[in-house]
């Protein structure tokens, strides 16, 4: 039996990158999948390719976040699992981050997951049904580099939210975990490296040479792990902050 057979899964930020990988992996494991995204052309292209349902939503707007859950319930009768995969990684240090940039990070990286979880958990509690949620966090929740100050702050908040919500709803049989991913090879990361760091076409190869495993994190590997956490195969695990990275927090070379 496929890991997510007869599950309805909503992936926020599922139109590209890690989110799109999770959409594909969940479909492969038997789920009915819906995903949100802001850009219609990108979302509709993935929907046509995979058969997943695209819900256009601006995740900076809590009403649209909650509304996307309502749309999936209306279309499929329920939501069983949620993945919060949307992320903003625009650079900013403690000294040069503007209030606008700070608010943008909080809106996408923390507020959107909060209200998506609120809507899905309320739906599950009303049904009296178990469910699973995976938040895509970051190893920057442990501190992060100086140029990711607002991102690190928001992801640290997401880690705390994960544990709080998992504790609050464990008796409802709703399992909530956080996957703190490291440096990952995506189209979004490619754009960030070129825009903010002046990287050339060979930046992936140069980065891989500096990493212990000789490669960046891969979307398909992350997606498979998320599917495992969404499924019954991950047992009773809840409230866990899992570092999915090749650097070990708290150690030095």
Protein backbone atom coordinates (compact mmCIF):
# COMPACT_ATOMS: atom_id res chain seq x y z
CA UNK A 1 0.00 0.00 0.00
CA UNK A 2 1.29 3.45 -0.88
CA UNK A 3 2.32 5.57 2.09
CA UNK A 4 -0.34 8.25 1.56
CA UNK A 5 -3.13 6.17 0.08
CA UNK A 6 -6.55 7.80 0.59
CA UNK A 7 -5.05 11.00 2.04
CA UNK A 8 -5.83 14.55 0.97
CA UNK A 9 -2.65 16.63 1.21
CA UNK A 10 -2.32 20.39 0.91
CA UNK A 11 1.12 21.78 0.10
CA UNK A 12 1.49 25.50 0.64
CA UNK A 13 4.13 26.97 -1.65
CA UNK A 14 3.96 23.88 -3.83
CA UNK A 15 4.40 25.37 -7.28
CA UNK A 16 8.20 25.16 -7.41
CA UNK A 17 11.33 24.07 -5.57
CA UNK A 18 10.98 21.86 -2.51
CA UNK A 19 7.22 22.32 -2.51
CA UNK A 20 6.85 21.02 -6.06
CA UNK A 21 9.02 18.04 -5.16
CA UNK A 22 6.71 17.26 -2.26
CA UNK A 23 3.67 17.52 -4.54
CA UNK A 24 5.19 14.93 -6.89
CA UNK A 25 6.26 12.61 -4.07
CA UNK A 26 2.86 12.74 -2.35
CA UNK A 27 1.10 11.94 -5.62
CA UNK A 28 3.45 9.03 -6.21
CA UNK A 29 2.53 7.68 -2.76
CA UNK A 30 -1.18 7.70 -3.53
CA UNK A 31 -2.38 11.03 -2.11
CA UNK A 32 -4.89 13.43 -3.57
CA UNK A 33 -2.84 16.62 -3.66
CA UNK A 34 -3.65 20.31 -3.81
CA UNK A 35 -1.05 23.05 -3.68
CA UNK A 36 -0.95 26.81 -3.40
CA UNK A 37 1.13 29.35 -5.24
CA UNK A 38 1.07 33.01 -6.15
CA UNK A 39 1.98 32.86 -9.84
CA UNK A 40 -0.82 31.41 -11.93
CA UNK A 41 1.30 30.39 -14.91
CA UNK A 42 3.73 28.40 -12.76
CA UNK A 43 1.01 26.72 -10.73
CA UNK A 44 -1.13 25.85 -13.73
CA UNK A 45 1.87 24.34 -15.50
CA UNK A 46 2.63 22.02 -12.56
CA UNK A 47 -1.06 21.13 -12.22
CA UNK A 48 -1.22 20.17 -15.90
CA UNK A 49 1.96 18.12 -15.58
CA UNK A 50 1.03 16.22 -12.43
CA UNK A 51 -2.75 16.24 -12.05
CA UNK A 52 -2.55 17.98 -8.66
CA UNK A 53 -5.02 20.77 -8.01
CA UNK A 54 -3.68 24.33 -8.05
CA UNK A 55 -5.15 26.92 -5.68
CA UNK A 56 -3.92 30.41 -6.42
CA UNK A 57 -3.23 32.24 -3.15
CA UNK A 58 -1.13 35.11 -1.87
CA UNK A 59 0.24 33.66 1.36
CA UNK A 60 1.00 37.11 2.76
CA UNK A 61 -2.77 37.47 3.23
CA UNK A 62 -4.09 35.37 6.16
CA UNK A 63 -7.58 35.35 4.66
CA UNK A 64 -6.28 33.77 1.46
CA UNK A 65 -4.26 31.27 3.50
CA UNK A 66 -7.34 30.17 5.41
CA UNK A 67 -9.45 30.38 2.25
CA UNK A 68 -7.17 27.94 0.44
CA UNK A 69 -7.91 25.33 3.11
CA UNK A 70 -11.65 25.96 2.67
CA UNK A 71 -11.30 25.52 -1.09
CA UNK A 72 -9.59 22.16 -0.72
CA UNK A 73 -12.20 20.96 1.77
CA UNK A 74 -14.97 22.08 -0.58
CA UNK A 75 -13.39 20.26 -3.52
CA UNK A 76 -12.27 17.05 -1.80
CA UNK A 77 -14.37 16.84 1.35
CA UNK A 78 -11.47 17.07 3.76
CA UNK A 79 -7.79 17.80 4.37
CA UNK A 80 -5.75 15.12 6.14
CA UNK A 81 -2.24 16.53 5.89
CA UNK A 82 -0.58 19.91 5.45
CA UNK A 83 2.90 20.88 4.35
CA UNK A 84 4.09 24.47 4.77
CA UNK A 85 6.81 24.72 2.15
CA UNK A 86 6.65 28.37 1.06
CA UNK A 87 9.75 30.37 1.91
CA UNK A 88 11.32 33.77 1.42
CA UNK A 89 15.13 33.96 1.55
CA UNK A 90 15.83 37.57 0.55
CA UNK A 91 19.04 38.73 2.21
CA UNK A 92 19.25 41.14 5.13
CA UNK A 93 21.54 41.59 8.12
CA UNK A 94 20.69 42.98 11.54
CA UNK A 95 22.04 46.36 10.45
CA UNK A 96 20.53 46.74 6.99
CA UNK A 97 17.15 44.98 7.24
CA UNK A 98 14.27 47.39 6.75
CA UNK A 99 10.94 47.04 8.56
CA UNK A 100 9.41 46.14 5.19
CA UNK A 101 11.86 43.28 4.60
CA UNK A 102 11.43 42.04 8.16
CA UNK A 103 7.64 42.04 7.80
CA UNK A 104 7.89 40.20 4.47
CA UNK A 105 9.89 37.40 6.09
CA UNK A 106 7.46 37.12 8.99
CA UNK A 107 4.49 37.09 6.60
CA UNK A 108 5.72 34.19 4.47
CA UNK A 109 7.96 32.22 6.81
CA UNK A 110 5.90 32.41 10.01
CA UNK A 111 2.47 34.03 9.73
CA UNK A 112 1.34 32.00 6.71
CA UNK A 113 2.22 28.66 8.34
CA UNK A 114 0.51 29.78 11.55
CA UNK A 115 -2.83 30.50 9.90
CA UNK A 116 -2.65 27.49 7.59
CA UNK A 117 -2.11 25.29 10.63
CA UNK A 118 -4.91 27.07 12.45
CA UNK A 119 -7.36 26.32 9.64
CA UNK A 120 -6.30 22.70 9.11
CA UNK A 121 -6.18 21.84 12.81
CA UNK A 122 -9.62 23.39 13.36
CA UNK A 123 -10.94 21.30 10.47
CA UNK A 124 -9.39 18.10 11.85
CA UNK A 125 -10.67 18.74 15.37
CA UNK A 126 -14.18 19.40 14.04
CA UNK A 127 -14.03 16.07 12.18
CA UNK A 128 -12.52 14.26 15.15
CA UNK A 129 -9.91 12.98 12.74
CA UNK A 130 -6.16 12.47 13.09
CA UNK A 131 -3.80 14.35 10.81
CA UNK A 132 -0.22 15.28 10.08
CA UNK A 133 1.57 18.54 9.43
CA UNK A 134 5.15 19.13 8.31
CA UNK A 135 6.68 22.59 8.38
CA UNK A 136 9.70 23.16 6.16
CA UNK A 137 12.05 25.02 8.45
CA UNK A 138 15.72 25.83 8.09
CA UNK A 139 18.99 25.16 9.87
CA UNK A 140 19.08 28.96 10.14
CA UNK A 141 16.61 28.55 13.01
CA UNK A 142 19.71 27.78 15.09
CA UNK A 143 21.27 31.15 14.24
CA UNK A 144 22.16 31.37 10.57
CA UNK A 145 24.67 33.54 8.72
CA UNK A 146 24.74 37.32 9.28
CA UNK A 147 23.06 38.05 5.93
CA UNK A 148 19.95 36.05 6.86
CA UNK A 149 18.90 37.82 10.06
CA UNK A 150 15.14 38.24 9.38
CA UNK A 151 14.93 34.79 7.79
CA UNK A 152 16.61 33.21 10.80
CA UNK A 153 14.29 35.05 13.17
CA UNK A 154 11.19 33.86 11.30
CA UNK A 155 12.37 30.25 11.03
CA UNK A 156 13.24 30.19 14.73
CA UNK A 157 9.68 31.32 15.34
CA UNK A 158 8.37 28.52 13.14
CA UNK A 159 10.35 25.99 15.17
CA UNK A 160 8.80 27.26 18.38
CA UNK A 161 5.34 27.28 16.82
CA UNK A 162 5.77 23.67 15.69
CA UNK A 163 6.52 22.45 19.19
CA UNK A 164 3.76 24.55 20.75
CA UNK A 165 1.11 23.31 18.32
CA UNK A 166 2.32 19.71 18.52
CA UNK A 167 2.03 19.78 22.30
CA UNK A 168 -1.39 21.45 22.19
CA UNK A 169 -2.90 18.93 19.78
CA UNK A 170 -1.21 15.61 20.56
CA UNK A 171 -4.38 14.38 22.28
CA UNK A 172 -6.25 15.19 19.06
CA UNK A 173 -3.87 12.74 17.32
CA UNK A 174 -2.53 15.53 15.13
CA UNK A 175 1.21 15.11 14.63
CA UNK A 176 3.21 18.24 13.76
CA UNK A 177 6.92 18.23 12.93
CA UNK A 178 9.52 20.63 11.53
CA UNK A 179 12.19 19.70 8.98
CA UNK A 180 15.11 22.13 9.21
CA UNK A 181 16.68 21.81 5.78
CA UNK A 182 20.14 23.04 4.86
CA UNK A 183 21.56 24.40 1.62
CA UNK A 184 19.38 22.91 -1.13
CA UNK A 185 19.61 22.91 -4.91
CA UNK A 186 16.49 24.60 -6.29
CA UNK A 187 15.66 27.08 -9.02
CA UNK A 188 14.95 29.66 -6.31
CA UNK A 189 18.38 29.15 -4.75
CA UNK A 190 19.96 29.56 -8.17
CA UNK A 191 18.26 32.94 -8.56
CA UNK A 192 19.31 34.02 -5.05
CA UNK A 193 22.94 33.03 -5.61
CA UNK A 194 23.09 35.01 -8.85
CA UNK A 195 21.22 38.08 -7.54
CA UNK A 196 22.73 38.46 -4.08
CA UNK A 197 26.11 36.77 -4.35
CA UNK A 198 27.15 37.35 -7.95
CA UNK A 199 27.47 33.60 -8.52
CA UNK A 200 28.34 32.21 -11.92
CA UNK A 201 26.84 29.25 -13.74
CA UNK A 202 29.17 26.85 -11.90
CA UNK A 203 28.15 27.86 -8.37
CA UNK A 204 26.60 24.44 -7.65
CA UNK A 205 29.83 22.63 -8.44
CA UNK A 206 31.88 25.09 -6.37
CA UNK A 207 29.46 24.77 -3.45
CA UNK A 208 29.51 20.98 -3.62
CA UNK A 209 33.28 20.94 -3.32
CA UNK A 210 32.98 22.64 0.08
CA UNK A 211 30.34 20.29 1.49
CA UNK A 212 31.02 17.04 3.40
CA UNK A 213 28.78 14.86 1.22
CA UNK A 214 30.01 16.47 -1.99
CA UNK A 215 26.60 17.76 -3.01
CA UNK A 216 23.88 20.21 -2.08
CA UNK A 217 20.66 18.98 -0.55
CA UNK A 218 18.40 17.45 -3.19
CA UNK A 219 14.70 18.19 -3.54
CA UNK A 220 13.66 14.60 -4.20
CA UNK A 221 15.42 13.36 -1.06
CA UNK A 222 13.75 16.01 1.08
CA UNK A 223 10.37 15.25 -0.48
CA UNK A 224 10.68 11.53 0.30
CA UNK A 225 11.45 12.35 3.94
CA UNK A 226 8.46 14.69 4.17
CA UNK A 227 6.19 11.96 2.81
CA UNK A 228 7.53 9.62 5.49
CA UNK A 229 6.72 12.18 8.21
CA UNK A 230 3.21 12.67 6.80
CA UNK A 231 2.58 8.94 6.74
CA UNK A 232 1.75 6.42 9.46
CA UNK A 233 5.22 4.93 8.98
CA UNK A 234 6.63 7.73 11.16
CA UNK A 235 4.61 6.37 14.06
CA UNK A 236 3.97 8.66 17.02
CA UNK A 237 6.67 11.23 16.22
CA UNK A 238 5.43 14.74 16.94
CA UNK A 239 6.94 18.05 18.04
CA UNK A 240 10.29 17.10 16.51
CA UNK A 241 12.69 19.60 15.00
CA UNK A 242 14.70 17.48 12.58
CA UNK A 243 17.93 18.85 11.12
CA UNK A 244 18.03 17.61 7.54
CA UNK A 245 21.55 18.79 6.80
CA UNK A 246 25.16 17.67 6.53
CA UNK A 247 26.45 20.20 9.05
CA UNK A 248 26.09 19.28 12.71
CA UNK A 249 24.78 22.02 14.96
CA UNK A 250 26.92 22.80 17.99
CA UNK A 251 30.15 21.36 16.62
CA UNK A 252 33.29 23.02 15.29
CA UNK A 253 36.00 21.88 12.87
